[in-house]
Every structure is written in structure tokens, then in C-alpha cells.
Amino acid sequence: MRLTTKGRYAVTAMLDLALHAEQGPVSLADIAARQTISLSYLEQLFARLRKQKLVQSIRGPGGGYLLFRAPEQISVAHIIDAVDESVDATQCRKMGNCARGEQCLTHDLWAELTDHIHQFLSNITLARLVADARCPGNGRNSLRGLEPVPILRQG
């Protein structure tokens, strides 16, 4: 299980956009330069983000992109889902056909882990990431406020 470059870049670009939103529309060229992400790759990602109504484009001189919703209303899970990224711990994309067409013995365990990861990412908003970026000392500490979710239960 891993988050691919597509998901990582989408979250990074959205955070950059949120950090610079006070200055008005942000160009993809500026995000590309600051984050060393290919402009053409960003164009592909932002087409998907726009389709999912996470960003809006402003045309013309001084145009660029703005967040479609407030940063408090956009979670990391929203961003990852918008670019068709999957953080999936199962080998079968939760279809249940992981062992020669049948459900493997540990399918439910990995499916539950996938659900917990998605829920965790749903609890982290763009606003929280902006606050962390503006106060570098906070870093990972701000994520400690999330309640741990028991994954395995001993009977």
C-alpha cells in the first residue's frame, strides 16, 4: 500500500494554492516553480480537481486558480479521491477476489485498514495543513489531536 505521486502532488499543490490564496488567483506556473512539479502534470491534476469542485479557474490576465470551498471544508481525502487516487491496503481494490477469484483470509483486515486510513485523511483539512505550514514548529504535533481508531480488537 502506498500513496502514489499523483496523490502526493495533488495535496502539495492544493496546500500551495491555499497558502497563496490571499493574493488572489494563483497560476499553475507559480505552483509548479515553487513545488518543482511539472506544469503539464499540474494541469492534468487541476482538471480533475476542478471537475470535483475543489478549485475554480479564473481566466484572463492575472488569472489562475482559487479554492472553490473554504479550506476548512476540504479534507486530504477529498483531494486524493478527486484525482482518482486510492489508498487501498487490499490487493483486490476491496472487490473480494484477491485469492484466485475468491476472498483471501485477511481481506476484511486490509479492507478495514483502508477504511481507517480514509477516515484519518478525512479528518485532516486543508486549513489544518495551512496552519501547520505557517507554524513550522507544530508539524506532526497537530495530527496528534486526532483520536486513534482501534484497528484490531482482542477478544
N, C-alpha and C. Protein backbone atom coordinates (compact mmCIF):
# COMPACT_ATOMS: atom_id res chain seq x y z
N MET A 1 0.84 -1.17 0.00
CA MET A 1 0.00 0.00 0.00
C MET A 1 0.89 1.24 0.00
N ARG A 2 0.57 2.16 -0.89
CA ARG A 2 1.31 3.41 -0.91
C ARG A 2 0.50 4.45 -1.65
N LEU A 3 0.76 5.68 -1.29
CA LEU A 3 0.14 6.80 -1.97
C LEU A 3 1.08 7.17 -3.12
N THR A 4 0.56 7.22 -4.32
CA THR A 4 1.43 7.49 -5.47
C THR A 4 1.72 8.98 -5.58
N THR A 5 2.56 9.30 -6.53
CA THR A 5 2.95 10.69 -6.80
C THR A 5 1.73 11.54 -7.11
N LYS A 6 0.75 10.99 -7.80
CA LYS A 6 -0.44 11.74 -8.16
C LYS A 6 -1.13 12.31 -6.91
N GLY A 7 -1.34 11.47 -5.92
CA GLY A 7 -1.99 11.93 -4.69
C GLY A 7 -1.13 12.90 -3.90
N ARG A 8 0.15 12.61 -3.81
CA ARG A 8 1.07 13.49 -3.08
C ARG A 8 1.16 14.86 -3.73
N TYR A 9 1.29 14.89 -5.05
CA TYR A 9 1.38 16.16 -5.76
C TYR A 9 0.08 16.94 -5.66
N ALA A 10 -1.05 16.26 -5.73
CA ALA A 10 -2.34 16.95 -5.63
C ALA A 10 -2.48 17.63 -4.26
N VAL A 11 -2.13 16.93 -3.20
CA VAL A 11 -2.21 17.52 -1.86
C VAL A 11 -1.22 18.67 -1.73
N THR A 12 -0.02 18.49 -2.22
CA THR A 12 1.00 19.55 -2.16
C THR A 12 0.55 20.79 -2.92
N ALA A 13 0.02 20.60 -4.13
CA ALA A 13 -0.42 21.72 -4.95
C ALA A 13 -1.60 22.44 -4.30
N MET A 14 -2.53 21.69 -3.73
CA MET A 14 -3.67 22.30 -3.07
C MET A 14 -3.23 23.09 -1.83
N LEU A 15 -2.25 22.58 -1.11
CA LEU A 15 -1.74 23.30 0.04
C LEU A 15 -1.06 24.59 -0.41
N ASP A 16 -0.27 24.52 -1.48
CA ASP A 16 0.37 25.71 -2.02
C ASP A 16 -0.69 26.73 -2.43
N LEU A 17 -1.73 26.28 -3.11
CA LEU A 17 -2.81 27.17 -3.52
C LEU A 17 -3.46 27.84 -2.30
N ALA A 18 -3.73 27.06 -1.28
CA ALA A 18 -4.35 27.60 -0.07
C ALA A 18 -3.44 28.61 0.63
N LEU A 19 -2.15 28.34 0.65
CA LEU A 19 -1.19 29.25 1.29
C LEU A 19 -1.09 30.59 0.57
N HIS A 20 -1.33 30.59 -0.73
CA HIS A 20 -1.19 31.82 -1.53
C HIS A 20 -2.53 32.40 -1.97
N ALA A 21 -3.62 31.87 -1.51
CA ALA A 21 -4.96 32.29 -1.95
C ALA A 21 -5.28 33.73 -1.59
N GLU A 22 -4.69 34.24 -0.53
CA GLU A 22 -4.97 35.62 -0.10
C GLU A 22 -4.51 36.63 -1.16
N GLN A 23 -3.60 36.24 -2.01
CA GLN A 23 -3.05 37.12 -3.04
C GLN A 23 -3.90 37.12 -4.31
N GLY A 24 -5.00 36.38 -4.31
CA GLY A 24 -5.85 36.27 -5.50
C GLY A 24 -5.56 34.99 -6.25
N PRO A 25 -6.03 34.90 -7.48
CA PRO A 25 -5.82 33.67 -8.26
C PRO A 25 -4.34 33.31 -8.36
N VAL A 26 -4.06 32.02 -8.24
CA VAL A 26 -2.69 31.52 -8.26
C VAL A 26 -2.47 30.76 -9.56
N SER A 27 -1.42 31.08 -10.26
CA SER A 27 -1.15 30.39 -11.53
C SER A 27 -0.49 29.03 -11.27
N LEU A 28 -0.79 28.10 -12.16
CA LEU A 28 -0.17 26.77 -12.05
C LEU A 28 1.34 26.87 -12.27
N ALA A 29 1.75 27.83 -13.08
CA ALA A 29 3.20 28.02 -13.31
C ALA A 29 3.90 28.39 -12.01
N ASP A 30 3.25 29.21 -11.18
CA ASP A 30 3.84 29.58 -9.90
C ASP A 30 3.92 28.38 -8.96
N ILE A 31 2.84 27.59 -8.91
CA ILE A 31 2.85 26.39 -8.07
C ILE A 31 3.92 25.43 -8.56
N ALA A 32 3.99 25.25 -9.88
CA ALA A 32 4.99 24.34 -10.47
C ALA A 32 6.40 24.76 -10.08
N ALA A 33 6.68 26.06 -10.14
CA ALA A 33 8.02 26.56 -9.81
C ALA A 33 8.33 26.38 -8.33
N ARG A 34 7.37 26.72 -7.47
CA ARG A 34 7.61 26.61 -6.02
C ARG A 34 7.75 25.18 -5.56
N GLN A 35 6.98 24.28 -6.16
CA GLN A 35 6.94 22.90 -5.67
C GLN A 35 7.71 21.91 -6.56
N THR A 36 8.36 22.42 -7.59
CA THR A 36 9.09 21.59 -8.56
C THR A 36 8.24 20.41 -9.05
N ILE A 37 7.05 20.76 -9.54
CA ILE A 37 6.14 19.80 -10.14
C ILE A 37 5.95 20.24 -11.59
N SER A 38 5.94 19.30 -12.50
CA SER A 38 5.74 19.59 -13.92
C SER A 38 4.43 20.35 -14.13
N LEU A 39 4.51 21.41 -14.94
CA LEU A 39 3.32 22.21 -15.24
C LEU A 39 2.26 21.37 -15.93
N SER A 40 2.66 20.54 -16.87
CA SER A 40 1.68 19.72 -17.59
C SER A 40 1.01 18.71 -16.65
N TYR A 41 1.77 18.21 -15.68
CA TYR A 41 1.19 17.29 -14.70
C TYR A 41 0.18 18.02 -13.82
N LEU A 42 0.52 19.25 -13.41
CA LEU A 42 -0.41 20.06 -12.61
C LEU A 42 -1.68 20.36 -13.39
N GLU A 43 -1.55 20.62 -14.68
CA GLU A 43 -2.73 20.89 -15.50
C GLU A 43 -3.68 19.70 -15.49
N GLN A 44 -3.13 18.49 -15.57
CA GLN A 44 -3.95 17.28 -15.51
C GLN A 44 -4.64 17.15 -14.15
N LEU A 45 -3.87 17.36 -13.08
CA LEU A 45 -4.43 17.25 -11.74
C LEU A 45 -5.52 18.28 -11.50
N PHE A 46 -5.26 19.53 -11.91
CA PHE A 46 -6.23 20.59 -11.66
C PHE A 46 -7.49 20.44 -12.50
N ALA A 47 -7.40 19.79 -13.65
CA ALA A 47 -8.61 19.49 -14.42
C ALA A 47 -9.51 18.58 -13.59
N ARG A 48 -8.93 17.61 -12.92
CA ARG A 48 -9.72 16.70 -12.06
C ARG A 48 -10.22 17.41 -10.81
N LEU A 49 -9.38 18.24 -10.21
CA LEU A 49 -9.78 18.99 -9.01
C LEU A 49 -10.91 19.96 -9.34
N ARG A 50 -10.86 20.57 -10.53
CA ARG A 50 -11.91 21.49 -10.96
C ARG A 50 -13.21 20.73 -11.21
N LYS A 51 -13.11 19.58 -11.82
CA LYS A 51 -14.30 18.76 -12.10
C LYS A 51 -15.00 18.35 -10.80
N GLN A 52 -14.23 18.14 -9.74
CA GLN A 52 -14.79 17.74 -8.45
C GLN A 52 -15.12 18.95 -7.57
N LYS A 53 -15.05 20.14 -8.14
CA LYS A 53 -15.40 21.40 -7.47
C LYS A 53 -14.57 21.66 -6.20
N LEU A 54 -13.28 21.37 -6.30
CA LEU A 54 -12.36 21.72 -5.22
C LEU A 54 -11.64 23.02 -5.55
N VAL A 55 -11.49 23.31 -6.86
CA VAL A 55 -10.87 24.57 -7.30
C VAL A 55 -11.72 25.17 -8.40
N GLN A 56 -11.53 26.46 -8.62
CA GLN A 56 -12.16 27.13 -9.75
C GLN A 56 -11.10 27.90 -10.51
N SER A 57 -11.27 27.96 -11.81
CA SER A 57 -10.29 28.67 -12.63
C SER A 57 -10.81 30.06 -12.96
N ILE A 58 -9.89 31.00 -12.99
CA ILE A 58 -10.18 32.38 -13.36
C ILE A 58 -9.37 32.66 -14.62
N ARG A 59 -10.05 33.03 -15.67
CA ARG A 59 -9.40 33.27 -16.96
C ARG A 59 -8.92 34.71 -17.08
N GLY A 60 -8.02 34.91 -18.03
CA GLY A 60 -7.58 36.25 -18.36
C GLY A 60 -6.31 36.66 -17.63
N PRO A 61 -5.89 37.91 -17.88
CA PRO A 61 -4.68 38.42 -17.22
C PRO A 61 -4.87 38.40 -15.70
N GLY A 62 -3.88 37.93 -15.02
CA GLY A 62 -3.98 37.82 -13.57
C GLY A 62 -4.83 36.65 -13.13
N GLY A 63 -5.17 35.78 -14.07
CA GLY A 63 -5.99 34.62 -13.76
C GLY A 63 -5.18 33.51 -13.11
N GLY A 64 -5.84 32.46 -12.83
CA GLY A 64 -5.22 31.31 -12.18
C GLY A 64 -6.30 30.49 -11.49
N TYR A 65 -5.97 29.96 -10.35
CA TYR A 65 -6.91 29.10 -9.63
C TYR A 65 -7.16 29.63 -8.23
N LEU A 66 -8.38 29.39 -7.76
CA LEU A 66 -8.79 29.68 -6.39
C LEU A 66 -9.43 28.43 -5.82
N LEU A 67 -9.45 28.31 -4.52
CA LEU A 67 -10.19 27.22 -3.89
C LEU A 67 -11.67 27.46 -4.14
N PHE A 68 -12.40 26.41 -4.42
CA PHE A 68 -13.84 26.51 -4.65
C PHE A 68 -14.59 26.60 -3.32
N ARG A 69 -14.03 25.94 -2.30
CA ARG A 69 -14.62 25.93 -0.96
C ARG A 69 -13.61 26.45 0.03
N ALA A 70 -14.07 26.73 1.22
CA ALA A 70 -13.17 27.17 2.30
C ALA A 70 -12.22 26.03 2.65
N PRO A 71 -10.99 26.35 3.06
CA PRO A 71 -10.02 25.30 3.42
C PRO A 71 -10.52 24.37 4.52
N GLU A 72 -11.40 24.86 5.37
CA GLU A 72 -11.97 24.02 6.44
C GLU A 72 -12.90 22.95 5.90
N GLN A 73 -13.36 23.13 4.67
CA GLN A 73 -14.31 22.20 4.06
C GLN A 73 -13.65 21.23 3.09
N ILE A 74 -12.34 21.30 2.96
CA ILE A 74 -11.63 20.42 2.03
C ILE A 74 -10.69 19.53 2.83
N SER A 75 -10.93 18.25 2.79
CA SER A 75 -10.05 17.31 3.50
C SER A 75 -9.02 16.72 2.55
N VAL A 76 -8.00 16.15 3.11
CA VAL A 76 -6.99 15.46 2.31
C VAL A 76 -7.65 14.31 1.54
N ALA A 77 -8.61 13.64 2.16
CA ALA A 77 -9.32 12.56 1.48
C ALA A 77 -10.07 13.09 0.26
N HIS A 78 -10.69 14.27 0.37
CA HIS A 78 -11.37 14.87 -0.79
C HIS A 78 -10.40 15.03 -1.96
N ILE A 79 -9.22 15.54 -1.65
CA ILE A 79 -8.22 15.81 -2.69
C ILE A 79 -7.77 14.52 -3.35
N ILE A 80 -7.44 13.54 -2.53
CA ILE A 80 -6.96 12.26 -3.05
C ILE A 80 -8.04 11.57 -3.88
N ASP A 81 -9.27 11.59 -3.38
CA ASP A 81 -10.38 10.99 -4.13
C ASP A 81 -10.61 11.72 -5.45
N ALA A 82 -10.46 13.04 -5.46
CA ALA A 82 -10.72 13.85 -6.65
C ALA A 82 -9.78 13.51 -7.81
N VAL A 83 -8.56 13.10 -7.50
CA VAL A 83 -7.61 12.76 -8.56
C VAL A 83 -7.58 11.26 -8.83
N ASP A 84 -8.64 10.59 -8.38
CA ASP A 84 -8.80 9.15 -8.60
C ASP A 84 -7.66 8.33 -8.01
N GLU A 85 -7.14 8.82 -6.91
CA GLU A 85 -6.08 8.10 -6.21
C GLU A 85 -6.75 7.17 -5.21
N SER A 86 -6.13 6.06 -4.95
CA SER A 86 -6.67 5.12 -3.99
C SER A 86 -5.60 4.78 -2.97
N VAL A 87 -5.95 4.94 -1.72
CA VAL A 87 -5.07 4.47 -0.64
C VAL A 87 -5.73 3.19 -0.16
N ASP A 88 -5.35 2.09 -0.76
CA ASP A 88 -6.03 0.81 -0.55
C ASP A 88 -5.02 -0.24 -0.09
N ALA A 89 -5.29 -0.84 1.06
CA ALA A 89 -4.40 -1.85 1.61
C ALA A 89 -4.72 -3.25 1.08
N THR A 90 -5.86 -3.40 0.39
CA THR A 90 -6.19 -4.71 -0.16
C THR A 90 -5.48 -4.89 -1.49
N GLN A 91 -5.37 -6.13 -1.92
CA GLN A 91 -4.76 -6.41 -3.22
C GLN A 91 -5.81 -6.41 -4.32
N CYS A 92 -7.09 -6.35 -3.92
CA CYS A 92 -8.17 -6.54 -4.89
C CYS A 92 -9.05 -5.31 -5.03
N ARG A 93 -8.60 -4.17 -4.48
CA ARG A 93 -9.39 -2.93 -4.51
C ARG A 93 -10.74 -3.14 -3.84
N LYS A 94 -10.72 -3.92 -2.75
CA LYS A 94 -11.90 -4.22 -1.92
C LYS A 94 -13.00 -4.97 -2.67
N MET A 95 -12.63 -5.65 -3.76
CA MET A 95 -13.61 -6.38 -4.55
C MET A 95 -13.84 -7.80 -4.00
N GLY A 96 -12.90 -8.31 -3.21
CA GLY A 96 -13.06 -9.64 -2.63
C GLY A 96 -12.63 -10.77 -3.54
N ASN A 97 -11.88 -10.47 -4.57
CA ASN A 97 -11.41 -11.52 -5.49
C ASN A 97 -9.89 -11.65 -5.43
N CYS A 98 -9.33 -11.54 -4.22
CA CYS A 98 -7.88 -11.44 -4.05
C CYS A 98 -7.13 -12.77 -4.11
N ALA A 99 -7.80 -13.86 -3.91
CA ALA A 99 -7.13 -15.17 -3.93
C ALA A 99 -7.76 -16.04 -5.01
N ARG A 100 -7.22 -15.91 -6.20
CA ARG A 100 -7.71 -16.68 -7.35
C ARG A 100 -9.23 -16.55 -7.52
N GLY A 101 -9.69 -15.31 -7.46
CA GLY A 101 -11.11 -15.05 -7.66
C GLY A 101 -11.96 -15.13 -6.40
N GLU A 102 -11.38 -15.58 -5.33
CA GLU A 102 -12.09 -15.68 -4.05
C GLU A 102 -11.53 -14.67 -3.07
N GLN A 103 -12.24 -14.46 -1.99
CA GLN A 103 -11.76 -13.54 -0.96
C GLN A 103 -10.68 -14.23 -0.12
N CYS A 104 -9.55 -13.53 0.06
CA CYS A 104 -8.45 -14.11 0.83
C CYS A 104 -8.78 -14.07 2.34
N LEU A 105 -8.01 -14.81 3.10
CA LEU A 105 -8.28 -14.91 4.54
C LEU A 105 -8.17 -13.58 5.28
N THR A 106 -7.31 -12.70 4.81
CA THR A 106 -7.10 -11.43 5.52
C THR A 106 -7.78 -10.24 4.84
N HIS A 107 -8.67 -10.51 3.90
CA HIS A 107 -9.33 -9.43 3.16
C HIS A 107 -10.01 -8.42 4.09
N ASP A 108 -10.77 -8.90 5.05
CA ASP A 108 -11.51 -7.99 5.93
C ASP A 108 -10.57 -7.11 6.75
N LEU A 109 -9.44 -7.66 7.17
CA LEU A 109 -8.44 -6.88 7.91
C LEU A 109 -7.94 -5.72 7.07
N TRP A 110 -7.53 -6.00 5.83
CA TRP A 110 -6.96 -4.96 4.97
C TRP A 110 -8.04 -3.97 4.51
N ALA A 111 -9.26 -4.46 4.32
CA ALA A 111 -10.35 -3.55 3.95
C ALA A 111 -10.66 -2.59 5.10
N GLU A 112 -10.63 -3.10 6.33
CA GLU A 112 -10.87 -2.25 7.49
C GLU A 112 -9.74 -1.23 7.66
N LEU A 113 -8.50 -1.65 7.42
CA LEU A 113 -7.38 -0.72 7.49
C LEU A 113 -7.56 0.39 6.45
N THR A 114 -7.96 0.03 5.25
CA THR A 114 -8.21 1.02 4.20
C THR A 114 -9.26 2.02 4.65
N ASP A 115 -10.33 1.54 5.26
CA ASP A 115 -11.39 2.43 5.75
C ASP A 115 -10.85 3.37 6.83
N HIS A 116 -10.01 2.87 7.71
CA HIS A 116 -9.44 3.70 8.78
C HIS A 116 -8.51 4.77 8.21
N ILE A 117 -7.73 4.41 7.21
CA ILE A 117 -6.83 5.39 6.58
C ILE A 117 -7.66 6.49 5.93
N HIS A 118 -8.71 6.11 5.22
CA HIS A 118 -9.56 7.10 4.56
C HIS A 118 -10.21 8.01 5.60
N GLN A 119 -10.69 7.44 6.70
CA GLN A 119 -11.31 8.24 7.75
C GLN A 119 -10.28 9.20 8.37
N PHE A 120 -9.06 8.72 8.59
CA PHE A 120 -8.00 9.57 9.13
C PHE A 120 -7.74 10.75 8.21
N LEU A 121 -7.62 10.49 6.91
CA LEU A 121 -7.37 11.56 5.94
C LEU A 121 -8.57 12.49 5.80
N SER A 122 -9.77 11.98 6.07
CA SER A 122 -10.98 12.81 6.05
C SER A 122 -10.99 13.81 7.20
N ASN A 123 -10.28 13.50 8.27
CA ASN A 123 -10.24 14.38 9.44
C ASN A 123 -9.15 15.44 9.36
N ILE A 124 -8.35 15.41 8.31
CA ILE A 124 -7.28 16.41 8.15
C ILE A 124 -7.71 17.36 7.04
N THR A 125 -7.94 18.61 7.41
CA THR A 125 -8.40 19.59 6.43
C THR A 125 -7.23 20.39 5.88
N LEU A 126 -7.51 21.04 4.78
CA LEU A 126 -6.54 21.95 4.18
C LEU A 126 -6.24 23.09 5.16
N ALA A 127 -7.22 23.51 5.92
CA ALA A 127 -7.00 24.57 6.91
C ALA A 127 -5.97 24.14 7.95
N ARG A 128 -6.04 22.89 8.37
CA ARG A 128 -5.08 22.38 9.35
C ARG A 128 -3.67 22.34 8.76
N LEU A 129 -3.56 21.92 7.50
CA LEU A 129 -2.25 21.87 6.85
C LEU A 129 -1.68 23.27 6.66
N VAL A 130 -2.55 24.24 6.34
CA VAL A 130 -2.11 25.63 6.22
C VAL A 130 -1.57 26.12 7.56
N ALA A 131 -2.28 25.85 8.63
CA ALA A 131 -1.84 26.27 9.97
C ALA A 131 -0.49 25.64 10.31
N ASP A 132 -0.32 24.37 9.97
CA ASP A 132 0.95 23.68 10.23
C ASP A 132 2.08 24.30 9.43
N ALA A 133 1.80 24.64 8.16
CA ALA A 133 2.83 25.20 7.29
C ALA A 133 3.24 26.60 7.77
N ARG A 134 2.30 27.33 8.33
CA ARG A 134 2.60 28.69 8.80
C ARG A 134 3.27 28.69 10.17
N CYS A 135 3.14 27.60 10.90
CA CYS A 135 3.81 27.46 12.21
C CYS A 135 4.63 26.18 12.16
N PRO A 136 5.82 26.23 11.55
CA PRO A 136 6.61 25.02 11.32
C PRO A 136 6.90 24.20 12.57
N GLY A 137 6.90 24.81 13.72
CA GLY A 137 7.15 24.05 14.94
C GLY A 137 6.07 23.06 15.27
N ASN A 138 4.84 23.30 14.74
CA ASN A 138 3.73 22.39 15.03
C ASN A 138 3.91 21.05 14.34
N GLY A 139 4.16 21.11 13.05
CA GLY A 139 4.39 19.91 12.26
C GLY A 139 3.46 18.78 12.59
N ARG A 140 4.01 17.65 12.91
CA ARG A 140 3.25 16.44 13.17
C ARG A 140 2.42 16.54 14.45
N ASN A 141 2.78 17.45 15.35
CA ASN A 141 2.06 17.53 16.61
C ASN A 141 0.58 17.83 16.42
N SER A 142 0.21 18.57 15.40
CA SER A 142 -1.19 18.90 15.21
C SER A 142 -2.01 17.67 14.85
N LEU A 143 -1.39 16.67 14.27
CA LEU A 143 -2.11 15.45 13.92
C LEU A 143 -2.32 14.56 15.14
N ARG A 144 -1.62 14.84 16.20
CA ARG A 144 -1.78 14.03 17.41
C ARG A 144 -3.13 14.25 18.07
N GLY A 145 -3.80 15.34 17.73
CA GLY A 145 -5.11 15.61 18.30
C GLY A 145 -6.19 14.68 17.80
N LEU A 146 -5.92 13.94 16.73
CA LEU A 146 -6.90 13.00 16.21
C LEU A 146 -6.95 11.77 17.10
N GLU A 147 -8.15 11.34 17.40
CA GLU A 147 -8.31 10.16 18.24
C GLU A 147 -7.85 8.91 17.49
N PRO A 148 -7.03 8.09 18.15
CA PRO A 148 -6.64 6.84 17.48
C PRO A 148 -7.86 5.92 17.36
N VAL A 149 -7.93 5.23 16.24
CA VAL A 149 -9.05 4.33 16.00
C VAL A 149 -8.53 2.92 16.16
N PRO A 150 -9.15 2.12 17.04
CA PRO A 150 -8.67 0.74 17.20
C PRO A 150 -8.91 -0.04 15.93
N ILE A 151 -7.86 -0.70 15.47
CA ILE A 151 -7.96 -1.46 14.23
C ILE A 151 -8.20 -2.93 14.53
N LEU A 152 -7.43 -3.46 15.44
CA LEU A 152 -7.58 -4.85 15.82
C LEU A 152 -8.12 -4.93 17.24
N ARG A 153 -9.06 -5.78 17.43
CA ARG A 153 -9.62 -5.95 18.77
C ARG A 153 -9.26 -7.32 19.29
N GLN A 154 -8.80 -7.37 20.52
CA GLN A 154 -8.51 -8.67 21.12
C GLN A 154 -9.74 -9.14 21.84
N GLY A 155 -10.05 -10.39 21.69
CA GLY A 155 -11.32 -10.89 22.23
C GLY A 155 -11.14 -11.64 23.45
